Amino acid sequence: MAKKKVDAAHALLEALRHPLRRKLLRLCVEAKEELSPKELALLADRPVLSNVAYHVRTLAKNGALELVRTAPVRGAVEHFYRPTKLVRETPWVLAAIDRSPDSQKASTPPSTEKRK
């Protein structure tokens, strides 16, 4: 069982090497509902849907996202993803995507003023 967890963590680490994947995963973690690659492309301000879809599939293949549902849209199938339990419960993953557990509690960053 420990080896399986190490393999999953290694796959996640490999997936997060790309900056767009980190951004997409951060958007998924921050979202209150599952997102499709099309929605992620809009949120990430990326005009090329196929590029975003590729990175979403890579995140899913490496255990960061899970497919939760599909919906037919104009002759195609839209896929909807959410972060896996491994992502939500692994502190280093949240840190890698600039989303620490403490940052979810605080709405504003700590003050950088010098104390008198």
PDB file of N, CA and C in Angstrom:
ATOM      1  N   MET A   1       0.821  -1.189   0.000  1.00  0.00           N
ATOM      2  CA  MET A   1       0.000   0.000   0.000  1.00  0.00           C
ATOM      3  C   MET A   1       0.865   1.252   0.000  1.00  0.00           C
ATOM      4  N   ALA A   2       1.965   1.257   0.762  1.00  0.00           N
ATOM      5  CA  ALA A   2       2.833   2.426   0.826  1.00  0.00           C
ATOM      6  C   ALA A   2       3.451   2.724  -0.534  1.00  0.00           C
ATOM      7  N   LYS A   3       3.824   1.682  -1.278  1.00  0.00           N
ATOM      8  CA  LYS A   3       4.406   1.889  -2.604  1.00  0.00           C
ATOM      9  C   LYS A   3       3.398   2.529  -3.543  1.00  0.00           C
ATOM     10  N   LYS A   4       2.130   2.117  -3.442  1.00  0.00           N
ATOM     11  CA  LYS A   4       1.089   2.693  -4.290  1.00  0.00           C
ATOM     12  C   LYS A   4       0.937   4.183  -4.008  1.00  0.00           C
ATOM     13  N   LYS A   5       0.999   4.566  -2.722  1.00  0.00           N
ATOM     14  CA  LYS A   5       0.881   5.977  -2.354  1.00  0.00           C
ATOM     15  C   LYS A   5       2.083   6.772  -2.866  1.00  0.00           C
ATOM     16  N   VAL A   6       3.275   6.189  -2.793  1.00  0.00           N
ATOM     17  CA  VAL A   6       4.479   6.839  -3.310  1.00  0.00           C
ATOM     18  C   VAL A   6       4.363   7.009  -4.821  1.00  0.00           C
ATOM     19  N   ASP A   7       3.884   5.988  -5.524  1.00  0.00           N
ATOM     20  CA  ASP A   7       3.715   6.084  -6.967  1.00  0.00           C
ATOM     21  C   ASP A   7       2.708   7.168  -7.332  1.00  0.00           C
ATOM     22  N   ALA A   8       1.622   7.262  -6.567  1.00  0.00           N
ATOM     23  CA  ALA A   8       0.610   8.292  -6.819  1.00  0.00           C
ATOM     24  C   ALA A   8       1.191   9.681  -6.575  1.00  0.00           C
ATOM     25  N   ALA A   9       1.960   9.826  -5.516  1.00  0.00           N
ATOM     26  CA  ALA A   9       2.586  11.114  -5.219  1.00  0.00           C
ATOM     27  C   ALA A   9       3.598  11.488  -6.300  1.00  0.00           C
ATOM     28  N   HIS A  10       4.342  10.514  -6.783  1.00  0.00           N
ATOM     29  CA  HIS A  10       5.321  10.776  -7.840  1.00  0.00           C
ATOM     30  C   HIS A  10       4.616  11.199  -9.125  1.00  0.00           C
ATOM     31  N   ALA A  11       3.519  10.545  -9.462  1.00  0.00           N
ATOM     32  CA  ALA A  11       2.753  10.907 -10.658  1.00  0.00           C
ATOM     33  C   ALA A  11       2.200  12.322 -10.531  1.00  0.00           C
ATOM     34  N   LEU A  12       1.714  12.662  -9.345  1.00  0.00           N
ATOM     35  CA  LEU A  12       1.220  14.025  -9.107  1.00  0.00           C
ATOM     36  C   LEU A  12       2.333  15.045  -9.271  1.00  0.00           C
ATOM     37  N   LEU A  13       3.486  14.735  -8.718  1.00  0.00           N
ATOM     38  CA  LEU A  13       4.632  15.635  -8.817  1.00  0.00           C
ATOM     39  C   LEU A  13       5.014  15.867 -10.280  1.00  0.00           C
ATOM     40  N   GLU A  14       5.042  14.804 -11.059  1.00  0.00           N
ATOM     41  CA  GLU A  14       5.354  14.929 -12.488  1.00  0.00           C
ATOM     42  C   GLU A  14       4.312  15.786 -13.199  1.00  0.00           C
ATOM     43  N   ALA A  15       3.049  15.613 -12.867  1.00  0.00           N
ATOM     44  CA  ALA A  15       1.978  16.371 -13.523  1.00  0.00           C
ATOM     45  C   ALA A  15       2.081  17.857 -13.204  1.00  0.00           C
ATOM     46  N   LEU A  16       2.554  18.183 -12.003  1.00  0.00           N
ATOM     47  CA  LEU A  16       2.597  19.584 -11.581  1.00  0.00           C
ATOM     48  C   LEU A  16       3.854  20.322 -12.033  1.00  0.00           C
ATOM     49  N   ARG A  17       4.666  19.677 -12.853  1.00  0.00           N
ATOM     50  CA  ARG A  17       5.862  20.344 -13.366  1.00  0.00           C
ATOM     51  C   ARG A  17       5.518  21.451 -14.360  1.00  0.00           C
ATOM     52  N   HIS A  18       4.373  21.368 -14.989  1.00  0.00           N
ATOM     53  CA  HIS A  18       3.986  22.356 -15.995  1.00  0.00           C
ATOM     54  C   HIS A  18       3.186  23.487 -15.342  1.00  0.00           C
ATOM     55  N   PRO A  19       3.537  24.749 -15.597  1.00  0.00           N
ATOM     56  CA  PRO A  19       2.847  25.867 -14.934  1.00  0.00           C
ATOM     57  C   PRO A  19       1.353  25.958 -15.272  1.00  0.00           C
ATOM     58  N   LEU A  20       0.958  25.618 -16.486  1.00  0.00           N
ATOM     59  CA  LEU A  20      -0.459  25.678 -16.824  1.00  0.00           C
ATOM     60  C   LEU A  20      -1.237  24.620 -16.040  1.00  0.00           C
ATOM     61  N   ARG A  21      -0.649  23.459 -15.837  1.00  0.00           N
ATOM     62  CA  ARG A  21      -1.328  22.419 -15.064  1.00  0.00           C
ATOM     63  C   ARG A  21      -1.515  22.862 -13.617  1.00  0.00           C
ATOM     64  N   ARG A  22      -0.503  23.530 -13.052  1.00  0.00           N
ATOM     65  CA  ARG A  22      -0.642  24.049 -11.688  1.00  0.00           C
ATOM     66  C   ARG A  22      -1.776  25.066 -11.627  1.00  0.00           C
ATOM     67  N   LYS A  23      -1.852  25.935 -12.628  1.00  0.00           N
ATOM     68  CA  LYS A  23      -2.906  26.955 -12.656  1.00  0.00           C
ATOM     69  C   LYS A  23      -4.282  26.302 -12.793  1.00  0.00           C
ATOM     70  N   LEU A  24      -4.405  25.341 -13.679  1.00  0.00           N
ATOM     71  CA  LEU A  24      -5.687  24.662 -13.877  1.00  0.00           C
ATOM     72  C   LEU A  24      -6.120  23.919 -12.617  1.00  0.00           C
ATOM     73  N   LEU A  25      -5.179  23.265 -11.956  1.00  0.00           N
ATOM     74  CA  LEU A  25      -5.509  22.550 -10.730  1.00  0.00           C
ATOM     75  C   LEU A  25      -5.923  23.529  -9.630  1.00  0.00           C
ATOM     76  N   ARG A  26      -5.232  24.663  -9.548  1.00  0.00           N
ATOM     77  CA  ARG A  26      -5.605  25.678  -8.566  1.00  0.00           C
ATOM     78  C   ARG A  26      -7.036  26.166  -8.809  1.00  0.00           C
ATOM     79  N   LEU A  27      -7.386  26.407 -10.069  1.00  0.00           N
ATOM     80  CA  LEU A  27      -8.742  26.833 -10.401  1.00  0.00           C
ATOM     81  C   LEU A  27      -9.767  25.772  -9.998  1.00  0.00           C
ATOM     82  N   CYS A  28      -9.432  24.520 -10.198  1.00  0.00           N
ATOM     83  CA  CYS A  28     -10.347  23.426  -9.817  1.00  0.00           C
ATOM     84  C   CYS A  28     -10.502  23.343  -8.302  1.00  0.00           C
ATOM     85  N   VAL A  29      -9.410  23.517  -7.573  1.00  0.00           N
ATOM     86  CA  VAL A  29      -9.469  23.464  -6.108  1.00  0.00           C
ATOM     87  C   VAL A  29     -10.300  24.623  -5.572  1.00  0.00           C
ATOM     88  N   GLU A  30     -10.154  25.795  -6.161  1.00  0.00           N
ATOM     89  CA  GLU A  30     -10.885  26.976  -5.699  1.00  0.00           C
ATOM     90  C   GLU A  30     -12.363  26.953  -6.083  1.00  0.00           C
ATOM     91  N   ALA A  31     -12.715  26.201  -7.100  1.00  0.00           N
ATOM     92  CA  ALA A  31     -14.099  26.161  -7.572  1.00  0.00           C
ATOM     93  C   ALA A  31     -14.985  25.419  -6.578  1.00  0.00           C
ATOM     94  N   LYS A  32     -16.215  25.810  -6.512  1.00  0.00           N
ATOM     95  CA  LYS A  32     -17.175  25.149  -5.619  1.00  0.00           C
ATOM     96  C   LYS A  32     -17.887  23.993  -6.315  1.00  0.00           C
ATOM     97  N   GLU A  33     -17.674  23.842  -7.619  1.00  0.00           N
ATOM     98  CA  GLU A  33     -18.308  22.771  -8.388  1.00  0.00           C
ATOM     99  C   GLU A  33     -17.316  22.229  -9.412  1.00  0.00           C
ATOM    100  N   GLU A  34     -17.670  21.113 -10.028  1.00  0.00           N
ATOM    101  CA  GLU A  34     -16.792  20.535 -11.053  1.00  0.00           C
ATOM    102  C   GLU A  34     -16.754  21.464 -12.269  1.00  0.00           C
ATOM    103  N   LEU A  35     -15.629  21.419 -12.981  1.00  0.00           N
ATOM    104  CA  LEU A  35     -15.422  22.287 -14.141  1.00  0.00           C
ATOM    105  C   LEU A  35     -15.068  21.466 -15.368  1.00  0.00           C
ATOM    106  N   SER A  36     -15.430  21.984 -16.521  1.00  0.00           N
ATOM    107  CA  SER A  36     -15.062  21.358 -17.789  1.00  0.00           C
ATOM    108  C   SER A  36     -13.814  22.048 -18.329  1.00  0.00           C
ATOM    109  N   PRO A  37     -13.095  21.414 -19.245  1.00  0.00           N
ATOM    110  CA  PRO A  37     -11.956  22.086 -19.870  1.00  0.00           C
ATOM    111  C   PRO A  37     -12.351  23.418 -20.523  1.00  0.00           C
ATOM    112  N   LYS A  38     -13.546  23.496 -21.082  1.00  0.00           N
ATOM    113  CA  LYS A  38     -14.001  24.747 -21.686  1.00  0.00           C
ATOM    114  C   LYS A  38     -14.110  25.848 -20.628  1.00  0.00           C
ATOM    115  N   GLU A  39     -14.699  25.524 -19.484  1.00  0.00           N
ATOM    116  CA  GLU A  39     -14.815  26.500 -18.404  1.00  0.00           C
ATOM    117  C   GLU A  39     -13.438  26.893 -17.872  1.00  0.00           C
ATOM    118  N   LEU A  40     -12.549  25.904 -17.750  1.00  0.00           N
ATOM    119  CA  LEU A  40     -11.189  26.189 -17.288  1.00  0.00           C
ATOM    120  C   LEU A  40     -10.445  27.082 -18.274  1.00  0.00           C
ATOM    121  N   ALA A  41     -10.640  26.855 -19.568  1.00  0.00           N
ATOM    122  CA  ALA A  41      -9.994  27.691 -20.585  1.00  0.00           C
ATOM    123  C   ALA A  41     -10.441  29.148 -20.441  1.00  0.00           C
ATOM    124  N   LEU A  42     -11.726  29.345 -20.180  1.00  0.00           N
ATOM    125  CA  LEU A  42     -12.232  30.703 -19.979  1.00  0.00           C
ATOM    126  C   LEU A  42     -11.663  31.324 -18.708  1.00  0.00           C
ATOM    127  N   LEU A  43     -11.656  30.570 -17.613  1.00  0.00           N
ATOM    128  CA  LEU A  43     -11.133  31.079 -16.345  1.00  0.00           C
ATOM    129  C   LEU A  43      -9.636  31.372 -16.405  1.00  0.00           C
ATOM    130  N   ALA A  44      -8.907  30.547 -17.135  1.00  0.00           N
ATOM    131  CA  ALA A  44      -7.457  30.706 -17.241  1.00  0.00           C
ATOM    132  C   ALA A  44      -7.058  31.678 -18.350  1.00  0.00           C
ATOM    133  N   ASP A  45      -8.052  32.181 -19.075  1.00  0.00           N
ATOM    134  CA  ASP A  45      -7.819  33.101 -20.195  1.00  0.00           C
ATOM    135  C   ASP A  45      -6.897  32.464 -21.244  1.00  0.00           C
ATOM    136  N   ARG A  46      -7.217  31.227 -21.589  1.00  0.00           N
ATOM    137  CA  ARG A  46      -6.484  30.464 -22.600  1.00  0.00           C
ATOM    138  C   ARG A  46      -7.406  30.223 -23.786  1.00  0.00           C
ATOM    139  N   PRO A  47      -7.099  30.794 -24.954  1.00  0.00           N
ATOM    140  CA  PRO A  47      -7.998  30.689 -26.096  1.00  0.00           C
ATOM    141  C   PRO A  47      -8.013  29.322 -26.787  1.00  0.00           C
ATOM    142  N   VAL A  48      -6.999  28.510 -26.564  1.00  0.00           N
ATOM    143  CA  VAL A  48      -6.906  27.231 -27.271  1.00  0.00           C
ATOM    144  C   VAL A  48      -7.439  26.113 -26.371  1.00  0.00           C
ATOM    145  N   LEU A  49      -8.693  25.730 -26.615  1.00  0.00           N
ATOM    146  CA  LEU A  49      -9.354  24.721 -25.795  1.00  0.00           C
ATOM    147  C   LEU A  49      -8.628  23.379 -25.854  1.00  0.00           C
ATOM    148  N   SER A  50      -8.135  22.996 -27.017  1.00  0.00           N
ATOM    149  CA  SER A  50      -7.472  21.690 -27.135  1.00  0.00           C
ATOM    150  C   SER A  50      -6.237  21.607 -26.237  1.00  0.00           C
ATOM    151  N   ASN A  51      -5.525  22.714 -26.068  1.00  0.00           N
ATOM    152  CA  ASN A  51      -4.349  22.736 -25.198  1.00  0.00           C
ATOM    153  C   ASN A  51      -4.771  22.552 -23.738  1.00  0.00           C
ATOM    154  N   VAL A  52      -5.803  23.252 -23.321  1.00  0.00           N
ATOM    155  CA  VAL A  52      -6.297  23.117 -21.954  1.00  0.00           C
ATOM    156  C   VAL A  52      -6.829  21.705 -21.730  1.00  0.00           C
ATOM    157  N   ALA A  53      -7.579  21.176 -22.681  1.00  0.00           N
ATOM    158  CA  ALA A  53      -8.128  19.825 -22.559  1.00  0.00           C
ATOM    159  C   ALA A  53      -7.009  18.791 -22.418  1.00  0.00           C
ATOM    160  N   TYR A  54      -5.927  18.958 -23.153  1.00  0.00           N
ATOM    161  CA  TYR A  54      -4.787  18.047 -23.050  1.00  0.00           C
ATOM    162  C   TYR A  54      -4.228  18.054 -21.617  1.00  0.00           C
ATOM    163  N   HIS A  55      -4.037  19.253 -21.065  1.00  0.00           N
ATOM    164  CA  HIS A  55      -3.459  19.359 -19.726  1.00  0.00           C
ATOM    165  C   HIS A  55      -4.430  18.837 -18.660  1.00  0.00           C
ATOM    166  N   VAL A  56      -5.732  19.030 -18.857  1.00  0.00           N
ATOM    167  CA  VAL A  56      -6.725  18.482 -17.923  1.00  0.00           C
ATOM    168  C   VAL A  56      -6.677  16.955 -17.965  1.00  0.00           C
ATOM    169  N   ARG A  57      -6.593  16.380 -19.155  1.00  0.00           N
ATOM    170  CA  ARG A  57      -6.494  14.919 -19.260  1.00  0.00           C
ATOM    171  C   ARG A  57      -5.219  14.405 -18.597  1.00  0.00           C
ATOM    172  N   THR A  58      -4.130  15.149 -18.733  1.00  0.00           N
ATOM    173  CA  THR A  58      -2.872  14.760 -18.098  1.00  0.00           C
ATOM    174  C   THR A  58      -3.011  14.789 -16.576  1.00  0.00           C
ATOM    175  N   LEU A  59      -3.666  15.821 -16.053  1.00  0.00           N
ATOM    176  CA  LEU A  59      -3.903  15.890 -14.607  1.00  0.00           C
ATOM    177  C   LEU A  59      -4.761  14.714 -14.149  1.00  0.00           C
ATOM    178  N   ALA A  60      -5.761  14.377 -14.937  1.00  0.00           N
ATOM    179  CA  ALA A  60      -6.633  13.246 -14.584  1.00  0.00           C
ATOM    180  C   ALA A  60      -5.864  11.929 -14.636  1.00  0.00           C
ATOM    181  N   LYS A  61      -5.049  11.765 -15.663  1.00  0.00           N
ATOM    182  CA  LYS A  61      -4.273  10.533 -15.818  1.00  0.00           C
ATOM    183  C   LYS A  61      -3.300  10.336 -14.652  1.00  0.00           C
ATOM    184  N   ASN A  62      -2.817  11.436 -14.095  1.00  0.00           N
ATOM    185  CA  ASN A  62      -1.835  11.373 -13.015  1.00  0.00           C
ATOM    186  C   ASN A  62      -2.453  11.487 -11.622  1.00  0.00           C
ATOM    187  N   GLY A  63      -3.774  11.393 -11.531  1.00  0.00           N
ATOM    188  CA  GLY A  63      -4.424  11.322 -10.230  1.00  0.00           C
ATOM    189  C   GLY A  63      -4.750  12.640  -9.567  1.00  0.00           C
ATOM    190  N   ALA A  64      -4.635  13.757 -10.266  1.00  0.00           N
ATOM    191  CA  ALA A  64      -4.939  15.054  -9.668  1.00  0.00           C
ATOM    192  C   ALA A  64      -6.412  15.422  -9.822  1.00  0.00           C
ATOM    193  N   LEU A  65      -7.018  15.019 -10.927  1.00  0.00           N
ATOM    194  CA  LEU A  65      -8.425  15.301 -11.198  1.00  0.00           C
ATOM    195  C   LEU A  65      -9.156  13.993 -11.452  1.00  0.00           C
ATOM    196  N   GLU A  66     -10.459  14.017 -11.176  1.00  0.00           N
ATOM    197  CA  GLU A  66     -11.283  12.853 -11.493  1.00  0.00           C
ATOM    198  C   GLU A  66     -12.487  13.310 -12.298  1.00  0.00           C
ATOM    199  N   LEU A  67     -12.834  12.496 -13.267  1.00  0.00           N
ATOM    200  CA  LEU A  67     -14.006  12.760 -14.091  1.00  0.00           C
ATOM    201  C   LEU A  67     -15.242  12.435 -13.264  1.00  0.00           C
ATOM    202  N   VAL A  68     -16.157  13.417 -13.132  1.00  0.00           N
ATOM    203  CA  VAL A  68     -17.348  13.184 -12.311  1.00  0.00           C
ATOM    204  C   VAL A  68     -18.621  13.044 -13.127  1.00  0.00           C
ATOM    205  N   ARG A  69     -18.647  13.638 -14.318  1.00  0.00           N
ATOM    206  CA  ARG A  69     -19.825  13.480 -15.165  1.00  0.00           C
ATOM    207  C   ARG A  69     -19.522  13.950 -16.575  1.00  0.00           C
ATOM    208  N   THR A  70     -20.383  13.560 -17.495  1.00  0.00           N
ATOM    209  CA  THR A  70     -20.304  14.021 -18.876  1.00  0.00           C
ATOM    210  C   THR A  70     -21.680  14.536 -19.272  1.00  0.00           C
ATOM    211  N   ALA A  71     -21.704  15.402 -20.287  1.00  0.00           N
ATOM    212  CA  ALA A  71     -22.972  15.945 -20.773  1.00  0.00           C
ATOM    213  C   ALA A  71     -22.873  16.148 -22.282  1.00  0.00           C
ATOM    214  N   PRO A  72     -23.895  15.727 -23.021  1.00  0.00           N
ATOM    215  CA  PRO A  72     -23.875  15.967 -24.468  1.00  0.00           C
ATOM    216  C   PRO A  72     -24.100  17.448 -24.764  1.00  0.00           C
ATOM    217  N   VAL A  73     -23.261  17.989 -25.662  1.00  0.00           N
ATOM    218  CA  VAL A  73     -23.365  19.397 -26.051  1.00  0.00           C
ATOM    219  C   VAL A  73     -23.149  19.492 -27.557  1.00  0.00           C
ATOM    220  N   ARG A  74     -24.202  19.792 -28.288  1.00  0.00           N
ATOM    221  CA  ARG A  74     -24.140  20.000 -29.742  1.00  0.00           C
ATOM    222  C   ARG A  74     -23.373  18.900 -30.482  1.00  0.00           C
ATOM    223  N   GLY A  75     -23.679  17.694 -30.215  1.00  0.00           N
ATOM    224  CA  GLY A  75     -23.037  16.588 -30.921  1.00  0.00           C
ATOM    225  C   GLY A  75     -21.708  16.154 -30.342  1.00  0.00           C
ATOM    226  N   ALA A  76     -21.248  16.821 -29.304  1.00  0.00           N
ATOM    227  CA  ALA A  76     -19.997  16.450 -28.639  1.00  0.00           C
ATOM    228  C   ALA A  76     -20.322  16.046 -27.200  1.00  0.00           C
ATOM    229  N   VAL A  77     -19.317  15.654 -26.468  1.00  0.00           N
ATOM    230  CA  VAL A  77     -19.502  15.292 -25.064  1.00  0.00           C
ATOM    231  C   VAL A  77     -18.591  16.183 -24.229  1.00  0.00           C
ATOM    232  N   GLU A  78     -19.195  16.911 -23.294  1.00  0.00           N
ATOM    233  CA  GLU A  78     -18.426  17.765 -22.387  1.00  0.00           C
ATOM    234  C   GLU A  78     -18.124  16.968 -21.126  1.00  0.00           C
ATOM    235  N   HIS A  79     -16.885  17.038 -20.673  1.00  0.00           N
ATOM    236  CA  HIS A  79     -16.431  16.304 -19.487  1.00  0.00           C
ATOM    237  C   HIS A  79     -16.261  17.286 -18.336  1.00  0.00           C
ATOM    238  N   PHE A  80     -16.619  16.862 -17.139  1.00  0.00           N
ATOM    239  CA  PHE A  80     -16.508  17.701 -15.953  1.00  0.00           C
ATOM    240  C   PHE A  80     -15.631  17.012 -14.918  1.00  0.00           C
ATOM    241  N   TYR A  81     -14.694  17.771 -14.343  1.00  0.00           N
ATOM    242  CA  TYR A  81     -13.691  17.230 -13.432  1.00  0.00           C
ATOM    243  C   TYR A  81     -13.716  17.966 -12.099  1.00  0.00           C
ATOM    244  N   ARG A  82     -13.200  17.275 -11.069  1.00  0.00           N
ATOM    245  CA  ARG A  82     -12.971  17.893  -9.766  1.00  0.00           C
ATOM    246  C   ARG A  82     -11.660  17.331  -9.217  1.00  0.00           C
ATOM    247  N   PRO A  83     -11.046  18.032  -8.262  1.00  0.00           N
ATOM    248  CA  PRO A  83      -9.802  17.525  -7.664  1.00  0.00           C
ATOM    249  C   PRO A  83     -10.054  16.233  -6.893  1.00  0.00           C
ATOM    250  N   THR A  84      -9.066  15.374  -6.886  1.00  0.00           N
ATOM    251  CA  THR A  84      -9.175  14.114  -6.162  1.00  0.00           C
ATOM    252  C   THR A  84      -8.946  14.338  -4.666  1.00  0.00           C
ATOM    253  N   LYS A  85      -9.287  13.332  -3.895  1.00  0.00           N
ATOM    254  CA  LYS A  85      -9.062  13.371  -2.452  1.00  0.00           C
ATOM    255  C   LYS A  85      -7.573  13.545  -2.148  1.00  0.00           C
ATOM    256  N   LEU A  86      -6.722  12.897  -2.939  1.00  0.00           N
ATOM    257  CA  LEU A  86      -5.279  13.005  -2.752  1.00  0.00           C
ATOM    258  C   LEU A  86      -4.815  14.457  -2.844  1.00  0.00           C
ATOM    259  N   VAL A  87      -5.347  15.205  -3.795  1.00  0.00           N
ATOM    260  CA  VAL A  87      -4.977  16.621  -3.953  1.00  0.00           C
ATOM    261  C   VAL A  87      -5.457  17.429  -2.759  1.00  0.00           C
ATOM    262  N   ARG A  88      -6.703  17.229  -2.369  1.00  0.00           N
ATOM    263  CA  ARG A  88      -7.287  18.024  -1.287  1.00  0.00           C
ATOM    264  C   ARG A  88      -6.637  17.746   0.064  1.00  0.00           C
ATOM    265  N   GLU A  89      -6.053  16.550   0.234  1.00  0.00           N
ATOM    266  CA  GLU A  89      -5.493  16.170   1.533  1.00  0.00           C
ATOM    267  C   GLU A  89      -3.972  16.151   1.587  1.00  0.00           C
ATOM    268  N   THR A  90      -3.312  16.593   0.539  1.00  0.00           N
ATOM    269  CA  THR A  90      -1.851  16.565   0.511  1.00  0.00           C
ATOM    270  C   THR A  90      -1.309  17.996   0.568  1.00  0.00           C
ATOM    271  N   PRO A  91      -0.729  18.391   1.709  1.00  0.00           N
ATOM    272  CA  PRO A  91      -0.282  19.778   1.875  1.00  0.00           C
ATOM    273  C   PRO A  91       0.719  20.247   0.817  1.00  0.00           C
ATOM    274  N   TRP A  92       1.647  19.381   0.392  1.00  0.00           N
ATOM    275  CA  TRP A  92       2.642  19.848  -0.573  1.00  0.00           C
ATOM    276  C   TRP A  92       2.014  20.129  -1.932  1.00  0.00           C
ATOM    277  N   VAL A  93       0.929  19.449  -2.270  1.00  0.00           N
ATOM    278  CA  VAL A  93       0.244  19.729  -3.535  1.00  0.00           C
ATOM    279  C   VAL A  93      -0.396  21.107  -3.462  1.00  0.00           C
ATOM    280  N   LEU A  94      -1.072  21.397  -2.346  1.00  0.00           N
ATOM    281  CA  LEU A  94      -1.691  22.706  -2.182  1.00  0.00           C
ATOM    282  C   LEU A  94      -0.638  23.813  -2.200  1.00  0.00           C
ATOM    283  N   ALA A  95       0.514  23.552  -1.613  1.00  0.00           N
ATOM    284  CA  ALA A  95       1.593  24.539  -1.646  1.00  0.00           C
ATOM    285  C   ALA A  95       2.130  24.719  -3.065  1.00  0.00           C
ATOM    286  N   ALA A  96       2.220  23.637  -3.811  1.00  0.00           N
ATOM    287  CA  ALA A  96       2.736  23.705  -5.183  1.00  0.00           C
ATOM    288  C   ALA A  96       1.834  24.520  -6.096  1.00  0.00           C
ATOM    289  N   ILE A  97       0.545  24.548  -5.789  1.00  0.00           N
ATOM    290  CA  ILE A  97      -0.379  25.322  -6.622  1.00  0.00           C
ATOM    291  C   ILE A  97      -0.734  26.648  -5.948  1.00  0.00           C
ATOM    292  N   ASP A  98       0.075  27.058  -4.969  1.00  0.00           N
ATOM    293  CA  ASP A  98      -0.129  28.314  -4.231  1.00  0.00           C
ATOM    294  C   ASP A  98      -1.482  28.350  -3.547  1.00  0.00           C
ATOM    295  N   ARG A  99      -1.854  27.247  -2.939  1.00  0.00           N
ATOM    296  CA  ARG A  99      -3.154  27.164  -2.277  1.00  0.00           C
ATOM    297  C   ARG A  99      -2.987  26.410  -0.966  1.00  0.00           C
ATOM    298  N   SER A 100      -2.377  27.044   0.022  1.00  0.00           N
ATOM    299  CA  SER A 100      -2.154  26.370   1.293  1.00  0.00           C
ATOM    300  C   SER A 100      -3.449  26.313   2.093  1.00  0.00           C
ATOM    301  N   PRO A 101      -3.579  25.346   2.997  1.00  0.00           N
ATOM    302  CA  PRO A 101      -4.790  25.265   3.813  1.00  0.00           C
ATOM    303  C   PRO A 101      -5.056  26.551   4.595  1.00  0.00           C
ATOM    304  N   ASP A 102      -3.995  27.231   5.052  1.00  0.00           N
ATOM    305  CA  ASP A 102      -4.165  28.480   5.788  1.00  0.00           C
ATOM    306  C   ASP A 102      -4.707  29.590   4.905  1.00  0.00           C
ATOM    307  N   SER A 103      -4.352  29.587   3.612  1.00  0.00           N
ATOM    308  CA  SER A 103      -4.818  30.644   2.720  1.00  0.00           C
ATOM    309  C   SER A 103      -6.308  30.526   2.453  1.00  0.00           C
ATOM    310  N   GLN A 104      -6.874  29.348   2.667  1.00  0.00           N
ATOM    311  CA  GLN A 104      -8.310  29.179   2.479  1.00  0.00           C
ATOM    312  C   GLN A 104      -9.085  29.833   3.613  1.00  0.00           C
ATOM    313  N   LYS A 105      -8.463  29.944   4.786  1.00  0.00           N
ATOM    314  CA  LYS A 105      -9.130  30.544   5.937  1.00  0.00           C
ATOM    315  C   LYS A 105      -9.044  32.066   5.892  1.00  0.00           C
ATOM    316  N   ALA A 106      -7.902  32.594   5.504  1.00  0.00           N
ATOM    317  CA  ALA A 106      -7.708  34.039   5.492  1.00  0.00           C
ATOM    318  C   ALA A 106      -8.106  34.610   4.141  1.00  0.00           C
ATOM    319  N   SER A 107      -8.909  35.652   4.177  1.00  0.00           N
ATOM    320  CA  SER A 107      -9.341  36.247   2.915  1.00  0.00           C
ATOM    321  C   SER A 107      -8.345  37.277   2.410  1.00  0.00           C
ATOM    322  N   THR A 108      -7.506  37.819   3.302  1.00  0.00           N
ATOM    323  CA  THR A 108      -6.503  38.790   2.880  1.00  0.00           C
ATOM    324  C   THR A 108      -5.139  38.318   3.342  1.00  0.00           C
ATOM    325  N   PRO A 109      -4.093  38.668   2.577  1.00  0.00           N
ATOM    326  CA  PRO A 109      -2.749  38.255   2.993  1.00  0.00           C
ATOM    327  C   PRO A 109      -2.326  39.009   4.251  1.00  0.00           C
ATOM    328  N   PRO A 110      -1.400  38.443   5.011  1.00  0.00           N
ATOM    329  CA  PRO A 110      -0.939  39.132   6.215  1.00  0.00           C
ATOM    330  C   PRO A 110      -0.276  40.449   5.859  1.00  0.00           C
ATOM    331  N   SER A 111      -0.330  41.383   6.776  1.00  0.00           N
ATOM    332  CA  SER A 111       0.236  42.710   6.546  1.00  0.00           C
ATOM    333  C   SER A 111       1.753  42.629   6.455  1.00  0.00           C
ATOM    334  N   THR A 112       2.329  43.439   5.569  1.00  0.00           N
ATOM    335  CA  THR A 112       3.781  43.469   5.434  1.00  0.00           C
ATOM    336  C   THR A 112       4.377  44.716   6.066  1.00  0.00           C
ATOM    337  N   GLU A 113       3.541  45.475   6.802  1.00  0.00           N
ATOM    338  CA  GLU A 113       4.036  46.683   7.474  1.00  0.00           C
ATOM    339  C   GLU A 113       5.019  46.307   8.571  1.00  0.00           C
ATOM    340  N   LYS A 114       6.003  47.181   8.756  1.00  0.00           N
ATOM    341  CA  LYS A 114       6.952  46.962   9.840  1.00  0.00           C
ATOM    342  C   LYS A 114       6.284  47.318  11.149  1.00  0.00           C
ATOM    343  N   ARG A 115       6.575  46.527  12.148  1.00  0.00           N
ATOM    344  CA  ARG A 115       6.021  46.815  13.481  1.00  0.00           C
ATOM    345  C   ARG A 115       6.840  47.893  14.154  1.00  0.00           C
ATOM    346  N   LYS A 116       6.151  48.727  14.910  1.00  0.00           N
ATOM    347  CA  LYS A 116       6.837  49.826  15.602  1.00  0.00           C
ATOM    348  C   LYS A 116       7.213  49.418  16.994  1.00  0.00           C
TER     349      LYS A 116
END
